[in-house]
Amino acid sequence: MTLIETFGQNVRQARKDKGWTQEQLAFEAGVKRAYLSEVENGQRNVSLDVVEKLAKALDVSPDVLMVS
């Protein structure tokens, strides 16, 4: 599994743990829902800025989203 796929799976799991939809997380992180869907499916590379936005919205440390 690639880092991009691991990151996407971790974002999805953290989002579900909060009981949020993709739309809710996308709004909180300031990204588009379609973009978030691609991230969660491991189809989109993300910048460090987006990693930080998603981690902040999910109330987790960015490194939590990177490890398998």
PDB file of N, CA and C in Angstrom:
ATOM      1  N   MET A   1       0.853  -1.180   0.000  1.00  0.00           N
ATOM      2  CA  MET A   1       0.000   0.000   0.000  1.00  0.00           C
ATOM      3  C   MET A   1       0.898   1.243   0.000  1.00  0.00           C
ATOM      4  N   THR A   2       0.539   2.219  -0.808  1.00  0.00           N
ATOM      5  CA  THR A   2       1.325   3.450  -0.892  1.00  0.00           C
ATOM      6  C   THR A   2       0.962   4.402   0.250  1.00  0.00           C
ATOM      7  N   LEU A   3       1.810   5.387   0.468  1.00  0.00           N
ATOM      8  CA  LEU A   3       1.543   6.392   1.496  1.00  0.00           C
ATOM      9  C   LEU A   3       0.260   7.157   1.179  1.00  0.00           C
ATOM     10  N   ILE A   4       0.027   7.422  -0.102  1.00  0.00           N
ATOM     11  CA  ILE A   4      -1.190   8.138  -0.506  1.00  0.00           C
ATOM     12  C   ILE A   4      -2.435   7.315  -0.153  1.00  0.00           C
ATOM     13  N   GLU A   5      -2.376   6.010  -0.375  1.00  0.00           N
ATOM     14  CA  GLU A   5      -3.509   5.138  -0.039  1.00  0.00           C
ATOM     15  C   GLU A   5      -3.702   5.047   1.470  1.00  0.00           C
ATOM     16  N   THR A   6      -2.596   4.922   2.203  1.00  0.00           N
ATOM     17  CA  THR A   6      -2.668   4.870   3.667  1.00  0.00           C
ATOM     18  C   THR A   6      -3.267   6.152   4.214  1.00  0.00           C
ATOM     19  N   PHE A   7      -2.799   7.283   3.700  1.00  0.00           N
ATOM     20  CA  PHE A   7      -3.317   8.577   4.134  1.00  0.00           C
ATOM     21  C   PHE A   7      -4.823   8.648   3.892  1.00  0.00           C
ATOM     22  N   GLY A   8      -5.254   8.258   2.704  1.00  0.00           N
ATOM     23  CA  GLY A   8      -6.677   8.298   2.374  1.00  0.00           C
ATOM     24  C   GLY A   8      -7.516   7.428   3.286  1.00  0.00           C
ATOM     25  N   GLN A   9      -7.042   6.225   3.560  1.00  0.00           N
ATOM     26  CA  GLN A   9      -7.779   5.333   4.456  1.00  0.00           C
ATOM     27  C   GLN A   9      -7.854   5.911   5.866  1.00  0.00           C
ATOM     28  N   ASN A  10      -6.761   6.522   6.318  1.00  0.00           N
ATOM     29  CA  ASN A  10      -6.750   7.105   7.662  1.00  0.00           C
ATOM     30  C   ASN A  10      -7.675   8.310   7.762  1.00  0.00           C
ATOM     31  N   VAL A  11      -7.723   9.116   6.713  1.00  0.00           N
ATOM     32  CA  VAL A  11      -8.646  10.254   6.690  1.00  0.00           C
ATOM     33  C   VAL A  11     -10.082   9.740   6.750  1.00  0.00           C
ATOM     34  N   ARG A  12     -10.399   8.740   5.939  1.00  0.00           N
ATOM     35  CA  ARG A  12     -11.753   8.178   5.926  1.00  0.00           C
ATOM     36  C   ARG A  12     -12.131   7.634   7.310  1.00  0.00           C
ATOM     37  N   GLN A  13     -11.225   6.893   7.933  1.00  0.00           N
ATOM     38  CA  GLN A  13     -11.525   6.312   9.236  1.00  0.00           C
ATOM     39  C   GLN A  13     -11.711   7.401  10.293  1.00  0.00           C
ATOM     40  N   ALA A  14     -10.856   8.416  10.281  1.00  0.00           N
ATOM     41  CA  ALA A  14     -10.983   9.511  11.249  1.00  0.00           C
ATOM     42  C   ALA A  14     -12.291  10.264  11.039  1.00  0.00           C
ATOM     43  N   ARG A  15     -12.683  10.444   9.776  1.00  0.00           N
ATOM     44  CA  ARG A  15     -13.950  11.117   9.466  1.00  0.00           C
ATOM     45  C   ARG A  15     -15.125  10.293   9.990  1.00  0.00           C
ATOM     46  N   LYS A  16     -15.097   9.005   9.739  1.00  0.00           N
ATOM     47  CA  LYS A  16     -16.183   8.134  10.200  1.00  0.00           C
ATOM     48  C   LYS A  16     -16.229   8.069  11.722  1.00  0.00           C
ATOM     49  N   ASP A  17     -15.057   8.094  12.359  1.00  0.00           N
ATOM     50  CA  ASP A  17     -15.008   8.089  13.825  1.00  0.00           C
ATOM     51  C   ASP A  17     -15.710   9.312  14.411  1.00  0.00           C
ATOM     52  N   LYS A  18     -15.674  10.426  13.684  1.00  0.00           N
ATOM     53  CA  LYS A  18     -16.360  11.642  14.123  1.00  0.00           C
ATOM     54  C   LYS A  18     -17.839  11.630  13.735  1.00  0.00           C
ATOM     55  N   GLY A  19     -18.230  10.656  12.916  1.00  0.00           N
ATOM     56  CA  GLY A  19     -19.616  10.589  12.472  1.00  0.00           C
ATOM     57  C   GLY A  19     -19.939  11.615  11.404  1.00  0.00           C
ATOM     58  N   TRP A  20     -18.920  12.052  10.680  1.00  0.00           N
ATOM     59  CA  TRP A  20     -19.098  13.079   9.658  1.00  0.00           C
ATOM     60  C   TRP A  20     -19.252  12.477   8.270  1.00  0.00           C
ATOM     61  N   THR A  21     -19.971  13.200   7.426  1.00  0.00           N
ATOM     62  CA  THR A  21     -20.028  12.880   6.005  1.00  0.00           C
ATOM     63  C   THR A  21     -18.826  13.533   5.327  1.00  0.00           C
ATOM     64  N   GLN A  22     -18.607  13.154   4.080  1.00  0.00           N
ATOM     65  CA  GLN A  22     -17.544  13.812   3.314  1.00  0.00           C
ATOM     66  C   GLN A  22     -17.838  15.303   3.183  1.00  0.00           C
ATOM     67  N   GLU A  23     -19.090  15.657   3.009  1.00  0.00           N
ATOM     68  CA  GLU A  23     -19.450  17.069   2.874  1.00  0.00           C
ATOM     69  C   GLU A  23     -19.091  17.856   4.125  1.00  0.00           C
ATOM     70  N   GLN A  24     -19.345  17.261   5.298  1.00  0.00           N
ATOM     71  CA  GLN A  24     -19.031  17.955   6.547  1.00  0.00           C
ATOM     72  C   GLN A  24     -17.531  18.174   6.688  1.00  0.00           C
ATOM     73  N   LEU A  25     -16.734  17.136   6.432  1.00  0.00           N
ATOM     74  CA  LEU A  25     -15.285  17.283   6.547  1.00  0.00           C
ATOM     75  C   LEU A  25     -14.757  18.257   5.507  1.00  0.00           C
ATOM     76  N   ALA A  26     -15.248  18.165   4.293  1.00  0.00           N
ATOM     77  CA  ALA A  26     -14.797  19.071   3.238  1.00  0.00           C
ATOM     78  C   ALA A  26     -15.059  20.519   3.638  1.00  0.00           C
ATOM     79  N   PHE A  27     -16.226  20.789   4.186  1.00  0.00           N
ATOM     80  CA  PHE A  27     -16.564  22.141   4.634  1.00  0.00           C
ATOM     81  C   PHE A  27     -15.610  22.595   5.731  1.00  0.00           C
ATOM     82  N   GLU A  28     -15.416  21.755   6.740  1.00  0.00           N
ATOM     83  CA  GLU A  28     -14.556  22.113   7.875  1.00  0.00           C
ATOM     84  C   GLU A  28     -13.104  22.333   7.455  1.00  0.00           C
ATOM     85  N   ALA A  29     -12.646  21.575   6.469  1.00  0.00           N
ATOM     86  CA  ALA A  29     -11.254  21.672   6.025  1.00  0.00           C
ATOM     87  C   ALA A  29     -11.058  22.683   4.902  1.00  0.00           C
ATOM     88  N   GLY A  30     -12.158  23.163   4.328  1.00  0.00           N
ATOM     89  CA  GLY A  30     -12.047  24.141   3.250  1.00  0.00           C
ATOM     90  C   GLY A  30     -11.603  23.543   1.925  1.00  0.00           C
ATOM     91  N   VAL A  31     -12.047  22.300   1.671  1.00  0.00           N
ATOM     92  CA  VAL A  31     -11.752  21.660   0.389  1.00  0.00           C
ATOM     93  C   VAL A  31     -13.070  21.214  -0.244  1.00  0.00           C
ATOM     94  N   LYS A  32     -13.024  20.864  -1.505  1.00  0.00           N
ATOM     95  CA  LYS A  32     -14.234  20.391  -2.193  1.00  0.00           C
ATOM     96  C   LYS A  32     -14.490  18.920  -1.852  1.00  0.00           C
ATOM     97  N   ARG A  33     -15.763  18.547  -1.828  1.00  0.00           N
ATOM     98  CA  ARG A  33     -16.122  17.172  -1.491  1.00  0.00           C
ATOM     99  C   ARG A  33     -15.543  16.185  -2.493  1.00  0.00           C
ATOM    100  N   ALA A  34     -15.572  16.526  -3.774  1.00  0.00           N
ATOM    101  CA  ALA A  34     -15.035  15.626  -4.801  1.00  0.00           C
ATOM    102  C   ALA A  34     -13.533  15.410  -4.600  1.00  0.00           C
ATOM    103  N   TYR A  35     -12.833  16.464  -4.226  1.00  0.00           N
ATOM    104  CA  TYR A  35     -11.396  16.364  -3.946  1.00  0.00           C
ATOM    105  C   TYR A  35     -11.170  15.434  -2.759  1.00  0.00           C
ATOM    106  N   LEU A  36     -11.952  15.611  -1.695  1.00  0.00           N
ATOM    107  CA  LEU A  36     -11.835  14.768  -0.509  1.00  0.00           C
ATOM    108  C   LEU A  36     -12.101  13.306  -0.862  1.00  0.00           C
ATOM    109  N   SER A  37     -13.077  13.051  -1.712  1.00  0.00           N
ATOM    110  CA  SER A  37     -13.374  11.687  -2.143  1.00  0.00           C
ATOM    111  C   SER A  37     -12.161  11.060  -2.824  1.00  0.00           C
ATOM    112  N   GLU A  38     -11.511  11.817  -3.693  1.00  0.00           N
ATOM    113  CA  GLU A  38     -10.314  11.318  -4.373  1.00  0.00           C
ATOM    114  C   GLU A  38      -9.191  11.057  -3.376  1.00  0.00           C
ATOM    115  N   VAL A  39      -9.053  11.926  -2.374  1.00  0.00           N
ATOM    116  CA  VAL A  39      -8.038  11.728  -1.334  1.00  0.00           C
ATOM    117  C   VAL A  39      -8.318  10.429  -0.590  1.00  0.00           C
ATOM    118  N   GLU A  40      -9.553  10.249  -0.152  1.00  0.00           N
ATOM    119  CA  GLU A  40      -9.915   9.055   0.614  1.00  0.00           C
ATOM    120  C   GLU A  40      -9.741   7.773  -0.195  1.00  0.00           C
ATOM    121  N   ASN A  41      -9.870   7.863  -1.497  1.00  0.00           N
ATOM    122  CA  ASN A  41      -9.721   6.692  -2.358  1.00  0.00           C
ATOM    123  C   ASN A  41      -8.285   6.494  -2.841  1.00  0.00           C
ATOM    124  N   GLY A  42      -7.357   7.309  -2.322  1.00  0.00           N
ATOM    125  CA  GLY A  42      -5.954   7.173  -2.689  1.00  0.00           C
ATOM    126  C   GLY A  42      -5.660   7.557  -4.115  1.00  0.00           C
ATOM    127  N   GLN A  43      -6.500   8.416  -4.685  1.00  0.00           N
ATOM    128  CA  GLN A  43      -6.358   8.807  -6.082  1.00  0.00           C
ATOM    129  C   GLN A  43      -5.799  10.216  -6.245  1.00  0.00           C
ATOM    130  N   ARG A  44      -5.518  10.882  -5.134  1.00  0.00           N
ATOM    131  CA  ARG A  44      -5.079  12.276  -5.218  1.00  0.00           C
ATOM    132  C   ARG A  44      -3.909  12.506  -4.277  1.00  0.00           C
ATOM    133  N   ASN A  45      -2.848  13.082  -4.812  1.00  0.00           N
ATOM    134  CA  ASN A  45      -1.727  13.496  -3.985  1.00  0.00           C
ATOM    135  C   ASN A  45      -2.129  14.784  -3.278  1.00  0.00           C
ATOM    136  N   VAL A  46      -1.685  14.970  -2.046  1.00  0.00           N
ATOM    137  CA  VAL A  46      -2.077  16.154  -1.290  1.00  0.00           C
ATOM    138  C   VAL A  46      -0.852  16.966  -0.897  1.00  0.00           C
ATOM    139  N   SER A  47      -1.051  18.266  -0.770  1.00  0.00           N
ATOM    140  CA  SER A  47       0.018  19.142  -0.300  1.00  0.00           C
ATOM    141  C   SER A  47       0.065  19.096   1.222  1.00  0.00           C
ATOM    142  N   LEU A  48       1.157  19.566   1.780  1.00  0.00           N
ATOM    143  CA  LEU A  48       1.260  19.634   3.239  1.00  0.00           C
ATOM    144  C   LEU A  48       0.200  20.559   3.808  1.00  0.00           C
ATOM    145  N   ASP A  49      -0.176  21.574   3.054  1.00  0.00           N
ATOM    146  CA  ASP A  49      -1.225  22.494   3.488  1.00  0.00           C
ATOM    147  C   ASP A  49      -2.547  21.749   3.683  1.00  0.00           C
ATOM    148  N   VAL A  50      -2.877  20.869   2.754  1.00  0.00           N
ATOM    149  CA  VAL A  50      -4.120  20.098   2.854  1.00  0.00           C
ATOM    150  C   VAL A  50      -4.030  19.080   3.985  1.00  0.00           C
ATOM    151  N   VAL A  51      -2.871  18.457   4.156  1.00  0.00           N
ATOM    152  CA  VAL A  51      -2.687  17.534   5.284  1.00  0.00           C
ATOM    153  C   VAL A  51      -2.992  18.264   6.584  1.00  0.00           C
ATOM    154  N   GLU A  52      -2.448  19.461   6.715  1.00  0.00           N
ATOM    155  CA  GLU A  52      -2.661  20.257   7.928  1.00  0.00           C
ATOM    156  C   GLU A  52      -4.134  20.626   8.106  1.00  0.00           C
ATOM    157  N   LYS A  53      -4.795  21.037   7.040  1.00  0.00           N
ATOM    158  CA  LYS A  53      -6.215  21.406   7.111  1.00  0.00           C
ATOM    159  C   LYS A  53      -7.081  20.224   7.533  1.00  0.00           C
ATOM    160  N   LEU A  54      -6.824  19.064   6.940  1.00  0.00           N
ATOM    161  CA  LEU A  54      -7.615  17.880   7.270  1.00  0.00           C
ATOM    162  C   LEU A  54      -7.364  17.445   8.709  1.00  0.00           C
ATOM    163  N   ALA A  55      -6.105  17.446   9.121  1.00  0.00           N
ATOM    164  CA  ALA A  55      -5.774  17.052  10.494  1.00  0.00           C
ATOM    165  C   ALA A  55      -6.430  17.989  11.502  1.00  0.00           C
ATOM    166  N   LYS A  56      -6.375  19.282  11.222  1.00  0.00           N
ATOM    167  CA  LYS A  56      -6.984  20.257  12.135  1.00  0.00           C
ATOM    168  C   LYS A  56      -8.495  20.044  12.212  1.00  0.00           C
ATOM    169  N   ALA A  57      -9.138  19.863  11.071  1.00  0.00           N
ATOM    170  CA  ALA A  57     -10.587  19.655  11.047  1.00  0.00           C
ATOM    171  C   ALA A  57     -10.972  18.377  11.794  1.00  0.00           C
ATOM    172  N   LEU A  58     -10.127  17.350  11.676  1.00  0.00           N
ATOM    173  CA  LEU A  58     -10.410  16.065  12.320  1.00  0.00           C
ATOM    174  C   LEU A  58      -9.927  16.024  13.769  1.00  0.00           C
ATOM    175  N   ASP A  59      -9.232  17.080  14.185  1.00  0.00           N
ATOM    176  CA  ASP A  59      -8.701  17.182  15.547  1.00  0.00           C
ATOM    177  C   ASP A  59      -7.728  16.044  15.859  1.00  0.00           C
ATOM    178  N   VAL A  60      -6.830  15.791  14.897  1.00  0.00           N
ATOM    179  CA  VAL A  60      -5.773  14.799  15.084  1.00  0.00           C
ATOM    180  C   VAL A  60      -4.450  15.406  14.629  1.00  0.00           C
ATOM    181  N   SER A  61      -3.366  14.797  15.049  1.00  0.00           N
ATOM    182  CA  SER A  61      -2.044  15.216  14.608  1.00  0.00           C
ATOM    183  C   SER A  61      -1.834  14.747  13.167  1.00  0.00           C
ATOM    184  N   PRO A  62      -1.175  15.552  12.333  1.00  0.00           N
ATOM    185  CA  PRO A  62      -0.957  15.135  10.948  1.00  0.00           C
ATOM    186  C   PRO A  62      -0.268  13.776  10.824  1.00  0.00           C
ATOM    187  N   ASP A  63       0.642  13.465  11.743  1.00  0.00           N
ATOM    188  CA  ASP A  63       1.350  12.189  11.634  1.00  0.00           C
ATOM    189  C   ASP A  63       0.424  10.992  11.822  1.00  0.00           C
ATOM    190  N   VAL A  64      -0.667  11.181  12.551  1.00  0.00           N
ATOM    191  CA  VAL A  64      -1.643  10.102  12.740  1.00  0.00           C
ATOM    192  C   VAL A  64      -2.242   9.690  11.398  1.00  0.00           C
ATOM    193  N   LEU A  65      -2.371  10.639  10.497  1.00  0.00           N
ATOM    194  CA  LEU A  65      -2.967  10.356   9.192  1.00  0.00           C
ATOM    195  C   LEU A  65      -1.986   9.682   8.236  1.00  0.00           C
ATOM    196  N   MET A  66      -0.697   9.681   8.597  1.00  0.00           N
ATOM    197  CA  MET A  66       0.335   9.152   7.705  1.00  0.00           C
ATOM    198  C   MET A  66       0.734   7.711   7.988  1.00  0.00           C
ATOM    199  N   VAL A  67       0.488   7.231   9.198  1.00  0.00           N
ATOM    200  CA  VAL A  67       1.002   5.910   9.572  1.00  0.00           C
ATOM    201  C   VAL A  67      -0.048   4.823   9.368  1.00  0.00           C
ATOM    202  N   SER A  68       0.441   3.629   9.073  1.00  0.00           N
ATOM    203  CA  SER A  68      -0.493   2.513   8.871  1.00  0.00           C
ATOM    204  C   SER A  68      -0.680   1.723  10.150  1.00  0.00           C
TER     205      SER A  68
END
